[in-house]
Amino acid sequence: MKKNSGLSKKIITIICLAFVALGAWYFTRMVQGYDGKEAAWVYIPSGATKEQVRDSLQSSLGNSFGSRVAMLWDGTPEGSRGAYRIEPGEKAWKVARRISQARQTPVRITFNNVRTFPDLANRVAARMEFTPEEFLEAANGMAKDESISIQQLESEFLPDTYETYWTASPQQLISKIRDNYHRFWNDERRAKATSLGLTPLQTSTLASIVEEESNKTDERPAIARLYLNRLSRGMKLQADPTVRFAKGDFTIRRITGDMLSIQSPYNTYLVNGLPPGVIRLPEARTIDQVLDAPKHNHLYMCARPDGSGYHDFTSDYSRHLANARKYRSATFGAKR
């Protein structure tokens, strides 16, 4: 009996030690941090299954760490929907708890140098759960509901960095972007636009043309004033970028005679005044450069023949023609 009793105690001791070792192993595994060299993102979309959540964790965080997180995760797929940034060293139990409680990491949407609204939709949707088509549909729906033109709505997408959640709807993101636009157009800026005879939409439209005319930011105020001078005199703007926009080809280097006859409200060689909307999404600083454009009497400009990207300005048409001949001779090797 004593031998059996001693043997039982040994077995119990061994089992206890095994449980302690297993517990220690399990605890060590759970408190180990994410060993990735860089932060990783985990995305759990709407309609995901538990298996898809586990697959997402493993594919994003690696089989070992991802499996540990999946083991500790006690949420539901829909209740865990979202995007989560996992930092190197972050503990598995913390990651699992954060995802279980749907405590998302905000994503940053930054856009600039955007020419068309579909381009914007593609760029924004690449960082969000919704699709470009859903974004465009939401924008058109909002414009219709508010009885404003789609050109007005497009002009309100001020290039900037916006923070939101990956699961935000297109309407929520659009509202956030438009709120920024309305804060930008304060009473002071509206008064400046009015003094120029422009609405905010027209100011943004002119700014978009100015941006397309030159990538030299220090030259844009002079270009803005030149177009303001033309508008005040009732002259056609005759801005080459509007022809490229009307044709739908921004790679065109030289505007030729046949292009000038394109029937479009954006072709400022044919229509008077400003086109109905922006030809790109202008930056806030360019809008300010239009509003604060320094006065001069120039009406014409031509790219310099030295390839610098700058322009020669003049108020004399004959001088402008001479500048144009020099530019064509240097650039295309022939006078016209």
C-alpha atoms as a PDB file:
ATOM      1  CA  MET A   1       0.000   0.000   0.000  1.00  0.00           C
ATOM      2  CA  LYS A   2       2.819   2.391   0.856  1.00  0.00           C
ATOM      3  CA  LYS A   3       4.521   1.693  -2.474  1.00  0.00           C
ATOM      4  CA  ASN A   4       1.301   2.356  -4.370  1.00  0.00           C
ATOM      5  CA  SER A   5       0.729   5.502  -2.368  1.00  0.00           C
ATOM      6  CA  GLY A   6       4.216   6.739  -3.123  1.00  0.00           C
ATOM      7  CA  LEU A   7       3.789   5.952  -6.794  1.00  0.00           C
ATOM      8  CA  SER A   8       0.498   7.839  -6.917  1.00  0.00           C
ATOM      9  CA  LYS A   9       2.095  10.871  -5.337  1.00  0.00           C
ATOM     10  CA  LYS A  10       4.873  10.795  -7.927  1.00  0.00           C
ATOM     11  CA  ILE A  11       2.360  10.568 -10.762  1.00  0.00           C
ATOM     12  CA  ILE A  12       0.346  13.450  -9.316  1.00  0.00           C
ATOM     13  CA  THR A  13       3.520  15.481  -8.929  1.00  0.00           C
ATOM     14  CA  ILE A  14       4.553  14.768 -12.497  1.00  0.00           C
ATOM     15  CA  ILE A  15       1.098  15.741 -13.787  1.00  0.00           C
ATOM     16  CA  CYS A  16       1.160  18.950 -11.756  1.00  0.00           C
ATOM     17  CA  LEU A  17       4.597  19.811 -13.032  1.00  0.00           C
ATOM     18  CA  ALA A  18       3.452  19.122 -16.567  1.00  0.00           C
ATOM     19  CA  PHE A  19       0.502  21.466 -16.116  1.00  0.00           C
ATOM     20  CA  VAL A  20       2.777  24.106 -14.613  1.00  0.00           C
ATOM     21  CA  ALA A  21       5.210  23.721 -17.516  1.00  0.00           C
ATOM     22  CA  LEU A  22       2.365  23.859 -20.021  1.00  0.00           C
ATOM     23  CA  GLY A  23       0.932  26.928 -18.300  1.00  0.00           C
ATOM     24  CA  ALA A  24       4.333  28.600 -18.264  1.00  0.00           C
ATOM     25  CA  TRP A  25       4.799  27.789 -21.945  1.00  0.00           C
ATOM     26  CA  TYR A  26       1.326  29.076 -22.761  1.00  0.00           C
ATOM     27  CA  PHE A  27       1.838  32.259 -20.714  1.00  0.00           C
ATOM     28  CA  THR A  28       5.198  32.901 -22.334  1.00  0.00           C
ATOM     29  CA  ARG A  29       3.725  32.465 -25.764  1.00  0.00           C
ATOM     30  CA  MET A  30       0.842  34.827 -25.015  1.00  0.00           C
ATOM     31  CA  VAL A  31       2.983  37.614 -23.626  1.00  0.00           C
ATOM     32  CA  GLN A  32       5.521  37.471 -26.417  1.00  0.00           C
ATOM     33  CA  GLY A  33       5.329  40.503 -28.637  1.00  0.00           C
ATOM     34  CA  TYR A  34       4.752  40.696 -32.368  1.00  0.00           C
ATOM     35  CA  ASP A  35       8.170  40.043 -33.870  1.00  0.00           C
ATOM     36  CA  GLY A  36       7.656  41.751 -37.221  1.00  0.00           C
ATOM     37  CA  LYS A  37      10.269  44.323 -38.175  1.00  0.00           C
ATOM     38  CA  GLU A  38       7.572  46.790 -39.237  1.00  0.00           C
ATOM     39  CA  ALA A  39       3.990  47.444 -38.244  1.00  0.00           C
ATOM     40  CA  ALA A  40       1.393  45.242 -39.916  1.00  0.00           C
ATOM     41  CA  TRP A  41      -2.262  45.829 -40.771  1.00  0.00           C
ATOM     42  CA  VAL A  42      -5.052  43.352 -40.139  1.00  0.00           C
ATOM     43  CA  TYR A  43      -8.282  43.877 -42.100  1.00  0.00           C
ATOM     44  CA  ILE A  44     -11.563  42.201 -41.161  1.00  0.00           C
ATOM     45  CA  PRO A  45     -14.227  43.072 -43.741  1.00  0.00           C
ATOM     46  CA  SER A  46     -17.986  42.916 -43.411  1.00  0.00           C
ATOM     47  CA  GLY A  47     -19.337  39.408 -43.909  1.00  0.00           C
ATOM     48  CA  ALA A  48     -16.118  37.657 -42.871  1.00  0.00           C
ATOM     49  CA  THR A  49     -16.357  34.208 -41.287  1.00  0.00           C
ATOM     50  CA  LYS A  50     -14.380  33.005 -38.261  1.00  0.00           C
ATOM     51  CA  GLU A  51     -12.144  31.029 -40.577  1.00  0.00           C
ATOM     52  CA  GLN A  52     -11.483  34.124 -42.660  1.00  0.00           C
ATOM     53  CA  VAL A  53     -10.626  36.108 -39.534  1.00  0.00           C
ATOM     54  CA  ARG A  54      -8.090  33.466 -38.522  1.00  0.00           C
ATOM     55  CA  ASP A  55      -6.669  33.394 -42.046  1.00  0.00           C
ATOM     56  CA  SER A  56      -6.371  37.181 -42.048  1.00  0.00           C
ATOM     57  CA  LEU A  57      -4.537  37.154 -38.720  1.00  0.00           C
ATOM     58  CA  GLN A  58      -2.126  34.480 -39.877  1.00  0.00           C
ATOM     59  CA  SER A  59      -1.452  35.987 -43.291  1.00  0.00           C
ATOM     60  CA  SER A  60      -0.921  39.476 -41.855  1.00  0.00           C
ATOM     61  CA  LEU A  61       0.997  38.570 -38.688  1.00  0.00           C
ATOM     62  CA  GLY A  62       2.616  35.280 -39.594  1.00  0.00           C
ATOM     63  CA  ASN A  63       1.398  31.789 -38.751  1.00  0.00           C
ATOM     64  CA  SER A  64       2.887  31.654 -35.272  1.00  0.00           C
ATOM     65  CA  PHE A  65       1.879  35.032 -33.850  1.00  0.00           C
ATOM     66  CA  GLY A  66      -1.337  35.145 -35.854  1.00  0.00           C
ATOM     67  CA  SER A  67      -2.382  31.762 -34.480  1.00  0.00           C
ATOM     68  CA  ARG A  68      -1.762  32.964 -30.927  1.00  0.00           C
ATOM     69  CA  VAL A  69      -3.938  36.011 -31.512  1.00  0.00           C
ATOM     70  CA  ALA A  70      -6.650  33.859 -33.102  1.00  0.00           C
ATOM     71  CA  MET A  71      -6.576  31.543 -30.073  1.00  0.00           C
ATOM     72  CA  LEU A  72      -7.174  34.486 -27.721  1.00  0.00           C
ATOM     73  CA  TRP A  73      -9.670  36.295 -29.957  1.00  0.00           C
ATOM     74  CA  ASP A  74     -13.141  35.940 -28.414  1.00  0.00           C
ATOM     75  CA  GLY A  75     -15.164  38.310 -30.576  1.00  0.00           C
ATOM     76  CA  THR A  76     -17.465  37.791 -33.528  1.00  0.00           C
ATOM     77  CA  PRO A  77     -16.453  38.487 -37.137  1.00  0.00           C
ATOM     78  CA  GLU A  78     -18.980  41.295 -37.572  1.00  0.00           C
ATOM     79  CA  GLY A  79     -18.243  42.677 -34.105  1.00  0.00           C
ATOM     80  CA  SER A  80     -14.522  42.744 -34.954  1.00  0.00           C
ATOM     81  CA  ARG A  81     -14.931  44.328 -38.387  1.00  0.00           C
ATOM     82  CA  GLY A  82     -12.293  46.966 -39.034  1.00  0.00           C
ATOM     83  CA  ALA A  83      -8.635  47.742 -39.682  1.00  0.00           C
ATOM     84  CA  TYR A  84      -5.985  47.315 -37.009  1.00  0.00           C
ATOM     85  CA  ARG A  85      -2.365  48.412 -37.069  1.00  0.00           C
ATOM     86  CA  ILE A  86      -0.181  45.996 -35.100  1.00  0.00           C
ATOM     87  CA  GLU A  87       3.070  47.467 -33.831  1.00  0.00           C
ATOM     88  CA  PRO A  88       6.287  45.455 -33.351  1.00  0.00           C
ATOM     89  CA  GLY A  89       6.444  44.181 -29.760  1.00  0.00           C
ATOM     90  CA  GLU A  90       2.680  44.422 -29.175  1.00  0.00           C
ATOM     91  CA  LYS A  91       1.522  41.490 -27.038  1.00  0.00           C
ATOM     92  CA  ALA A  92      -0.756  38.824 -28.475  1.00  0.00           C
ATOM     93  CA  TRP A  93      -3.379  39.180 -25.754  1.00  0.00           C
ATOM     94  CA  LYS A  94      -3.535  42.934 -26.273  1.00  0.00           C
ATOM     95  CA  VAL A  95      -3.952  42.521 -30.015  1.00  0.00           C
ATOM     96  CA  ALA A  96      -6.687  39.915 -29.507  1.00  0.00           C
ATOM     97  CA  ARG A  97      -8.548  42.075 -27.012  1.00  0.00           C
ATOM     98  CA  ARG A  98      -8.334  45.154 -29.244  1.00  0.00           C
ATOM     99  CA  ILE A  99      -9.721  43.269 -32.228  1.00  0.00           C
ATOM    100  CA  SER A 100     -12.412  41.567 -30.124  1.00  0.00           C
ATOM    101  CA  GLN A 101     -13.566  44.995 -28.937  1.00  0.00           C
ATOM    102  CA  ALA A 102     -13.342  46.491 -32.461  1.00  0.00           C
ATOM    103  CA  ARG A 103     -10.983  49.250 -31.316  1.00  0.00           C
ATOM    104  CA  GLN A 104      -9.821  50.168 -34.794  1.00  0.00           C
ATOM    105  CA  THR A 105      -6.743  52.101 -35.796  1.00  0.00           C
ATOM    106  CA  PRO A 106      -7.675  55.240 -37.772  1.00  0.00           C
ATOM    107  CA  VAL A 107      -6.417  55.309 -41.350  1.00  0.00           C
ATOM    108  CA  ARG A 108      -5.096  58.421 -43.051  1.00  0.00           C
ATOM    109  CA  ILE A 109      -6.365  59.419 -46.456  1.00  0.00           C
ATOM    110  CA  THR A 110      -4.051  61.836 -48.253  1.00  0.00           C
ATOM    111  CA  PHE A 111      -4.656  63.065 -51.774  1.00  0.00           C
ATOM    112  CA  ASN A 112      -3.143  65.730 -53.964  1.00  0.00           C
ATOM    113  CA  ASN A 113      -2.227  66.068 -57.629  1.00  0.00           C
ATOM    114  CA  VAL A 114      -5.606  64.598 -58.632  1.00  0.00           C
ATOM    115  CA  ARG A 115      -7.080  65.553 -61.994  1.00  0.00           C
ATOM    116  CA  THR A 116     -10.383  63.722 -62.263  1.00  0.00           C
ATOM    117  CA  PHE A 117     -13.028  62.596 -59.805  1.00  0.00           C
ATOM    118  CA  PRO A 118     -12.762  58.928 -60.872  1.00  0.00           C
ATOM    119  CA  ASP A 119      -9.023  59.161 -60.143  1.00  0.00           C
ATOM    120  CA  LEU A 120      -9.871  60.449 -56.684  1.00  0.00           C
ATOM    121  CA  ALA A 121     -12.375  57.625 -56.157  1.00  0.00           C
ATOM    122  CA  ASN A 122      -9.712  55.033 -56.996  1.00  0.00           C
ATOM    123  CA  ARG A 123      -7.144  56.643 -54.728  1.00  0.00           C
ATOM    124  CA  VAL A 124      -9.486  56.997 -51.757  1.00  0.00           C
ATOM    125  CA  ALA A 125     -11.084  53.560 -52.092  1.00  0.00           C
ATOM    126  CA  ALA A 126      -7.636  51.933 -52.081  1.00  0.00           C
ATOM    127  CA  ARG A 127      -7.422  52.898 -48.387  1.00  0.00           C
ATOM    128  CA  MET A 128     -11.023  52.109 -47.453  1.00  0.00           C
ATOM    129  CA  GLU A 129     -13.401  49.157 -47.345  1.00  0.00           C
ATOM    130  CA  PHE A 130     -15.789  50.621 -49.939  1.00  0.00           C
ATOM    131  CA  THR A 131     -15.227  50.494 -53.697  1.00  0.00           C
ATOM    132  CA  PRO A 132     -14.586  53.370 -56.143  1.00  0.00           C
ATOM    133  CA  GLU A 133     -18.025  52.779 -57.629  1.00  0.00           C
ATOM    134  CA  GLU A 134     -19.675  53.119 -54.209  1.00  0.00           C
ATOM    135  CA  PHE A 135     -17.764  56.350 -53.617  1.00  0.00           C
ATOM    136  CA  LEU A 136     -18.885  57.865 -56.930  1.00  0.00           C
ATOM    137  CA  GLU A 137     -22.466  56.743 -56.370  1.00  0.00           C
ATOM    138  CA  ALA A 138     -22.501  58.353 -52.924  1.00  0.00           C
ATOM    139  CA  ALA A 139     -21.077  61.620 -54.301  1.00  0.00           C
ATOM    140  CA  ASN A 140     -23.655  61.809 -57.072  1.00  0.00           C
ATOM    141  CA  GLY A 141     -26.415  60.980 -54.594  1.00  0.00           C
ATOM    142  CA  MET A 142     -25.338  63.736 -52.212  1.00  0.00           C
ATOM    143  CA  ALA A 143     -25.202  66.302 -55.020  1.00  0.00           C
ATOM    144  CA  LYS A 144     -28.694  65.299 -56.151  1.00  0.00           C
ATOM    145  CA  ASP A 145     -30.115  65.362 -52.618  1.00  0.00           C
ATOM    146  CA  GLU A 146     -28.694  68.852 -52.017  1.00  0.00           C
ATOM    147  CA  SER A 147     -29.682  70.139 -55.469  1.00  0.00           C
ATOM    148  CA  ILE A 148     -26.125  71.191 -56.297  1.00  0.00           C
ATOM    149  CA  SER A 149     -24.112  70.434 -59.402  1.00  0.00           C
ATOM    150  CA  ILE A 150     -21.606  67.603 -59.333  1.00  0.00           C
ATOM    151  CA  GLN A 151     -19.015  70.219 -60.340  1.00  0.00           C
ATOM    152  CA  GLN A 152     -19.770  72.119 -57.132  1.00  0.00           C
ATOM    153  CA  LEU A 153     -19.378  68.969 -55.070  1.00  0.00           C
ATOM    154  CA  GLU A 154     -16.122  68.014 -56.777  1.00  0.00           C
ATOM    155  CA  SER A 155     -14.655  71.456 -56.077  1.00  0.00           C
ATOM    156  CA  GLU A 156     -15.203  70.886 -52.353  1.00  0.00           C
ATOM    157  CA  PHE A 157     -12.648  68.066 -52.200  1.00  0.00           C
ATOM    158  CA  LEU A 158      -9.736  70.077 -50.883  1.00  0.00           C
ATOM    159  CA  PRO A 159      -6.463  68.130 -51.072  1.00  0.00           C
ATOM    160  CA  ASP A 160      -5.312  67.381 -47.538  1.00  0.00           C
ATOM    161  CA  THR A 161      -4.820  64.524 -45.066  1.00  0.00           C
ATOM    162  CA  TYR A 162      -7.989  63.141 -43.527  1.00  0.00           C
ATOM    163  CA  GLU A 163      -8.200  60.672 -40.636  1.00  0.00           C
ATOM    164  CA  THR A 164     -11.087  58.236 -40.515  1.00  0.00           C
ATOM    165  CA  TYR A 165     -11.881  54.579 -39.918  1.00  0.00           C
ATOM    166  CA  TRP A 166     -11.479  51.979 -42.643  1.00  0.00           C
ATOM    167  CA  THR A 167     -15.114  50.978 -42.163  1.00  0.00           C
ATOM    168  CA  ALA A 168     -16.469  54.521 -42.648  1.00  0.00           C
ATOM    169  CA  SER A 169     -19.096  54.822 -45.350  1.00  0.00           C
ATOM    170  CA  PRO A 170     -18.464  56.905 -48.486  1.00  0.00           C
ATOM    171  CA  GLN A 171     -21.007  59.429 -47.193  1.00  0.00           C
ATOM    172  CA  GLN A 172     -19.170  59.785 -43.874  1.00  0.00           C
ATOM    173  CA  LEU A 173     -15.817  60.381 -45.550  1.00  0.00           C
ATOM    174  CA  ILE A 174     -17.280  62.815 -48.090  1.00  0.00           C
ATOM    175  CA  SER A 175     -18.923  64.781 -45.275  1.00  0.00           C
ATOM    176  CA  LYS A 176     -15.609  64.993 -43.404  1.00  0.00           C
ATOM    177  CA  ILE A 177     -13.819  66.277 -46.513  1.00  0.00           C
ATOM    178  CA  ARG A 178     -16.553  68.824 -47.230  1.00  0.00           C
ATOM    179  CA  ASP A 179     -16.470  70.056 -43.633  1.00  0.00           C
ATOM    180  CA  ASN A 180     -12.799  70.898 -44.145  1.00  0.00           C
ATOM    181  CA  TYR A 181     -13.668  72.799 -47.335  1.00  0.00           C
ATOM    182  CA  HIS A 182     -16.335  74.883 -45.593  1.00  0.00           C
ATOM    183  CA  ARG A 183     -13.928  75.714 -42.757  1.00  0.00           C
ATOM    184  CA  PHE A 184     -11.384  76.819 -45.344  1.00  0.00           C
ATOM    185  CA  TRP A 185     -13.867  79.156 -47.015  1.00  0.00           C
ATOM    186  CA  ASN A 186     -14.203  81.525 -44.094  1.00  0.00           C
ATOM    187  CA  ASP A 187     -15.664  85.025 -44.275  1.00  0.00           C
ATOM    188  CA  GLU A 188     -12.315  86.589 -45.172  1.00  0.00           C
ATOM    189  CA  ARG A 189     -11.734  84.342 -48.184  1.00  0.00           C
ATOM    190  CA  ARG A 190     -15.321  84.725 -49.350  1.00  0.00           C
ATOM    191  CA  ALA A 191     -14.946  88.504 -49.192  1.00  0.00           C
ATOM    192  CA  LYS A 192     -11.758  88.333 -51.276  1.00  0.00           C
ATOM    193  CA  ALA A 193     -13.491  86.177 -53.884  1.00  0.00           C
ATOM    194  CA  THR A 194     -16.431  88.557 -54.039  1.00  0.00           C
ATOM    195  CA  SER A 195     -14.091  91.498 -54.599  1.00  0.00           C
ATOM    196  CA  LEU A 196     -12.710  89.635 -57.623  1.00  0.00           C
ATOM    197  CA  GLY A 197     -16.201  88.934 -58.927  1.00  0.00           C
ATOM    198  CA  LEU A 198     -15.846  85.221 -58.231  1.00  0.00           C
ATOM    199  CA  THR A 199     -17.725  82.579 -56.281  1.00  0.00           C
ATOM    200  CA  PRO A 200     -15.796  79.941 -54.309  1.00  0.00           C
ATOM    201  CA  LEU A 201     -16.474  77.443 -57.116  1.00  0.00           C
ATOM    202  CA  GLN A 202     -15.142  79.858 -59.730  1.00  0.00           C
ATOM    203  CA  THR A 203     -12.100  80.597 -57.602  1.00  0.00           C
ATOM    204  CA  SER A 204     -11.343  76.892 -57.294  1.00  0.00           C
ATOM    205  CA  THR A 205     -11.881  76.457 -61.031  1.00  0.00           C
ATOM    206  CA  LEU A 206      -9.428  79.234 -61.843  1.00  0.00           C
ATOM    207  CA  ALA A 207      -6.947  77.800 -59.321  1.00  0.00           C
ATOM    208  CA  SER A 208      -7.173  74.422 -61.045  1.00  0.00           C
ATOM    209  CA  ILE A 209      -6.296  76.023 -64.391  1.00  0.00           C
ATOM    210  CA  VAL A 210      -3.392  77.893 -62.815  1.00  0.00           C
ATOM    211  CA  GLU A 211      -2.012  74.660 -61.333  1.00  0.00           C
ATOM    212  CA  GLU A 212      -2.191  72.934 -64.710  1.00  0.00           C
ATOM    213  CA  GLU A 213      -0.450  75.853 -66.399  1.00  0.00           C
ATOM    214  CA  SER A 214       2.679  75.710 -64.255  1.00  0.00           C
ATOM    215  CA  ASN A 215       4.326  73.539 -61.630  1.00  0.00           C
ATOM    216  CA  LYS A 216       6.343  76.570 -60.548  1.00  0.00           C
ATOM    217  CA  THR A 217       4.497  77.628 -57.417  1.00  0.00           C
ATOM    218  CA  ASP A 218       6.248  81.005 -57.289  1.00  0.00           C
ATOM    219  CA  GLU A 219       4.899  81.863 -60.760  1.00  0.00           C
ATOM    220  CA  ARG A 220       1.282  80.893 -60.134  1.00  0.00           C
ATOM    221  CA  PRO A 221       0.180  84.235 -58.600  1.00  0.00           C
ATOM    222  CA  ALA A 222       1.246  86.037 -61.790  1.00  0.00           C
ATOM    223  CA  ILE A 223      -0.623  83.502 -63.929  1.00  0.00           C
ATOM    224  CA  ALA A 224      -3.702  83.905 -61.746  1.00  0.00           C
ATOM    225  CA  ARG A 225      -3.655  87.671 -62.204  1.00  0.00           C
ATOM    226  CA  LEU A 226      -3.230  87.306 -65.963  1.00  0.00           C
ATOM    227  CA  TYR A 227      -6.435  85.267 -66.159  1.00  0.00           C
ATOM    228  CA  LEU A 228      -8.201  87.670 -63.818  1.00  0.00           C
ATOM    229  CA  ASN A 229      -7.190  90.474 -66.172  1.00  0.00           C
ATOM    230  CA  ARG A 230      -8.681  88.572 -69.105  1.00  0.00           C
ATOM    231  CA  LEU A 231     -11.899  87.896 -67.233  1.00  0.00           C
ATOM    232  CA  SER A 232     -12.270  91.549 -66.284  1.00  0.00           C
ATOM    233  CA  ARG A 233     -11.865  92.554 -69.943  1.00  0.00           C
ATOM    234  CA  GLY A 234     -14.329  89.997 -71.243  1.00  0.00           C
ATOM    235  CA  MET A 235     -11.592  88.122 -73.112  1.00  0.00           C
ATOM    236  CA  LYS A 236     -11.623  84.382 -73.611  1.00  0.00           C
ATOM    237  CA  LEU A 237      -9.204  82.655 -71.254  1.00  0.00           C
ATOM    238  CA  GLN A 238      -7.748  80.508 -74.065  1.00  0.00           C
ATOM    239  CA  ALA A 239      -6.078  78.236 -71.520  1.00  0.00           C
ATOM    240  CA  ASP A 240      -4.428  75.175 -73.061  1.00  0.00           C
ATOM    241  CA  PRO A 241      -5.053  72.960 -69.999  1.00  0.00           C
ATOM    242  CA  THR A 242      -8.807  73.306 -70.475  1.00  0.00           C
ATOM    243  CA  VAL A 243      -8.453  71.877 -73.996  1.00  0.00           C
ATOM    244  CA  ARG A 244      -6.507  68.898 -72.653  1.00  0.00           C
ATOM    245  CA  PHE A 245      -9.254  68.355 -70.092  1.00  0.00           C
ATOM    246  CA  ALA A 246     -11.973  68.650 -72.740  1.00  0.00           C
ATOM    247  CA  LYS A 247     -10.141  66.122 -74.897  1.00  0.00           C
ATOM    248  CA  GLY A 248      -9.498  63.835 -71.921  1.00  0.00           C
ATOM    249  CA  ASP A 249      -5.771  63.567 -72.641  1.00  0.00           C
ATOM    250  CA  PHE A 250      -3.379  65.248 -70.228  1.00  0.00           C
ATOM    251  CA  THR A 251      -0.300  63.952 -72.049  1.00  0.00           C
ATOM    252  CA  ILE A 252      -0.777  66.326 -74.990  1.00  0.00           C
ATOM    253  CA  ARG A 253       2.275  68.548 -75.160  1.00  0.00           C
ATOM    254  CA  ARG A 254       1.259  70.856 -77.966  1.00  0.00           C
ATOM    255  CA  ILE A 255      -2.240  72.182 -78.594  1.00  0.00           C
ATOM    256  CA  THR A 256      -2.890  72.246 -82.333  1.00  0.00           C
ATOM    257  CA  GLY A 257      -5.527  74.056 -84.345  1.00  0.00           C
ATOM    258  CA  ASP A 258      -7.935  71.152 -84.709  1.00  0.00           C
ATOM    259  CA  MET A 259      -8.053  70.692 -80.939  1.00  0.00           C
ATOM    260  CA  LEU A 260      -9.224  74.248 -80.421  1.00  0.00           C
ATOM    261  CA  SER A 261     -12.571  73.439 -82.024  1.00  0.00           C
ATOM    262  CA  ILE A 262     -13.541  70.691 -79.567  1.00  0.00           C
ATOM    263  CA  GLN A 263     -17.150  71.297 -78.554  1.00  0.00           C
ATOM    264  CA  SER A 264     -17.046  71.342 -74.777  1.00  0.00           C
ATOM    265  CA  PRO A 265     -18.002  73.786 -72.022  1.00  0.00           C
ATOM    266  CA  TYR A 266     -14.435  73.287 -70.794  1.00  0.00           C
ATOM    267  CA  ASN A 267     -12.804  74.511 -74.012  1.00  0.00           C
ATOM    268  CA  THR A 268     -11.964  78.096 -73.097  1.00  0.00           C
ATOM    269  CA  TYR A 269     -10.890  78.831 -76.677  1.00  0.00           C
ATOM    270  CA  LEU A 270     -14.558  78.591 -77.622  1.00  0.00           C
ATOM    271  CA  VAL A 271     -16.517  79.574 -74.512  1.00  0.00           C
ATOM    272  CA  ASN A 272     -16.388  82.836 -72.631  1.00  0.00           C
ATOM    273  CA  GLY A 273     -15.474  82.996 -68.991  1.00  0.00           C
ATOM    274  CA  LEU A 274     -14.594  80.100 -66.729  1.00  0.00           C
ATOM    275  CA  PRO A 275     -15.547  76.466 -67.395  1.00  0.00           C
ATOM    276  CA  PRO A 276     -18.314  74.978 -65.206  1.00  0.00           C
ATOM    277  CA  GLY A 277     -15.961  73.221 -62.817  1.00  0.00           C
ATOM    278  CA  VAL A 278     -12.417  72.372 -61.822  1.00  0.00           C
ATOM    279  CA  ILE A 279     -10.073  70.568 -64.207  1.00  0.00           C
ATOM    280  CA  ARG A 280      -8.134  69.166 -61.259  1.00  0.00           C
ATOM    281  CA  LEU A 281      -8.507  69.391 -57.476  1.00  0.00           C
ATOM    282  CA  PRO A 282      -6.569  72.555 -56.598  1.00  0.00           C
ATOM    283  CA  GLU A 283      -4.600  72.854 -53.387  1.00  0.00           C
ATOM    284  CA  ALA A 284      -5.516  75.370 -50.696  1.00  0.00           C
ATOM    285  CA  ARG A 285      -2.364  77.400 -51.296  1.00  0.00           C
ATOM    286  CA  THR A 286      -3.188  77.813 -54.996  1.00  0.00           C
ATOM    287  CA  ILE A 287      -6.672  79.044 -54.146  1.00  0.00           C
ATOM    288  CA  ASP A 288      -5.053  81.582 -51.827  1.00  0.00           C
ATOM    289  CA  GLN A 289      -2.657  82.586 -54.596  1.00  0.00           C
ATOM    290  CA  VAL A 290      -5.661  83.383 -56.788  1.00  0.00           C
ATOM    291  CA  LEU A 291      -7.343  85.374 -54.025  1.00  0.00           C
ATOM    292  CA  ASP A 292      -4.125  87.303 -53.276  1.00  0.00           C
ATOM    293  CA  ALA A 293      -2.771  87.569 -56.824  1.00  0.00           C
ATOM    294  CA  PRO A 294      -0.579  90.712 -57.132  1.00  0.00           C
ATOM    295  CA  LYS A 295      -1.767  93.230 -59.679  1.00  0.00           C
ATOM    296  CA  HIS A 296      -0.116  93.601 -63.092  1.00  0.00           C
ATOM    297  CA  ASN A 297      -1.391  94.450 -66.576  1.00  0.00           C
ATOM    298  CA  HIS A 298      -0.204  91.353 -68.446  1.00  0.00           C
ATOM    299  CA  LEU A 299      -2.646  89.566 -70.755  1.00  0.00           C
ATOM    300  CA  TYR A 300      -0.405  87.056 -72.527  1.00  0.00           C
ATOM    301  CA  MET A 301       2.147  84.466 -71.518  1.00  0.00           C
ATOM    302  CA  CYS A 302       4.335  81.998 -73.339  1.00  0.00           C
ATOM    303  CA  ALA A 303       6.641  79.273 -72.062  1.00  0.00           C
ATOM    304  CA  ARG A 304      10.268  80.360 -72.120  1.00  0.00           C
ATOM    305  CA  PRO A 305      12.439  78.705 -74.776  1.00  0.00           C
ATOM    306  CA  ASP A 306      15.126  77.804 -72.209  1.00  0.00           C
ATOM    307  CA  GLY A 307      13.124  74.841 -70.891  1.00  0.00           C
ATOM    308  CA  SER A 308      13.061  76.246 -67.376  1.00  0.00           C
ATOM    309  CA  GLY A 309       9.317  75.769 -67.039  1.00  0.00           C
ATOM    310  CA  TYR A 310       8.757  79.468 -66.456  1.00  0.00           C
ATOM    311  CA  HIS A 311       6.822  81.867 -68.697  1.00  0.00           C
ATOM    312  CA  ASP A 312       7.396  85.237 -70.317  1.00  0.00           C
ATOM    313  CA  PHE A 313       4.557  87.685 -69.629  1.00  0.00           C
ATOM    314  CA  THR A 314       3.515  90.697 -71.653  1.00  0.00           C
ATOM    315  CA  SER A 315       0.594  93.014 -72.244  1.00  0.00           C
ATOM    316  CA  ASP A 316       1.591  93.535 -75.885  1.00  0.00           C
ATOM    317  CA  TYR A 317       0.203  91.017 -78.371  1.00  0.00           C
ATOM    318  CA  SER A 318       2.969  91.522 -80.940  1.00  0.00           C
ATOM    319  CA  ARG A 319       5.570  90.851 -78.245  1.00  0.00           C
ATOM    320  CA  HIS A 320       3.623  87.729 -77.285  1.00  0.00           C
ATOM    321  CA  LEU A 321       3.734  86.475 -80.890  1.00  0.00           C
ATOM    322  CA  ALA A 322       7.489  87.018 -80.962  1.00  0.00           C
ATOM    323  CA  ASN A 323       7.860  85.065 -77.715  1.00  0.00           C
ATOM    324  CA  ALA A 324       5.746  82.259 -79.164  1.00  0.00           C
ATOM    325  CA  ARG A 325       7.959  82.050 -82.279  1.00  0.00           C
ATOM    326  CA  LYS A 326      11.076  81.797 -80.140  1.00  0.00           C
ATOM    327  CA  TYR A 327       9.506  79.041 -78.057  1.00  0.00           C
ATOM    328  CA  ARG A 328       8.342  77.008 -81.068  1.00  0.00           C
ATOM    329  CA  SER A 329      11.685  77.392 -82.784  1.00  0.00           C
ATOM    330  CA  ALA A 330      13.591  76.176 -79.721  1.00  0.00           C
ATOM    331  CA  THR A 331      11.162  73.385 -78.860  1.00  0.00           C
ATOM    332  CA  PHE A 332       9.969  72.040 -82.196  1.00  0.00           C
ATOM    333  CA  GLY A 333      12.782  73.193 -84.448  1.00  0.00           C
ATOM    334  CA  ALA A 334      10.590  75.218 -86.763  1.00  0.00           C
ATOM    335  CA  LYS A 335       8.888  78.569 -86.865  1.00  0.00           C
ATOM    336  CA  ARG A 336       5.180  78.919 -87.381  1.00  0.00           C
END
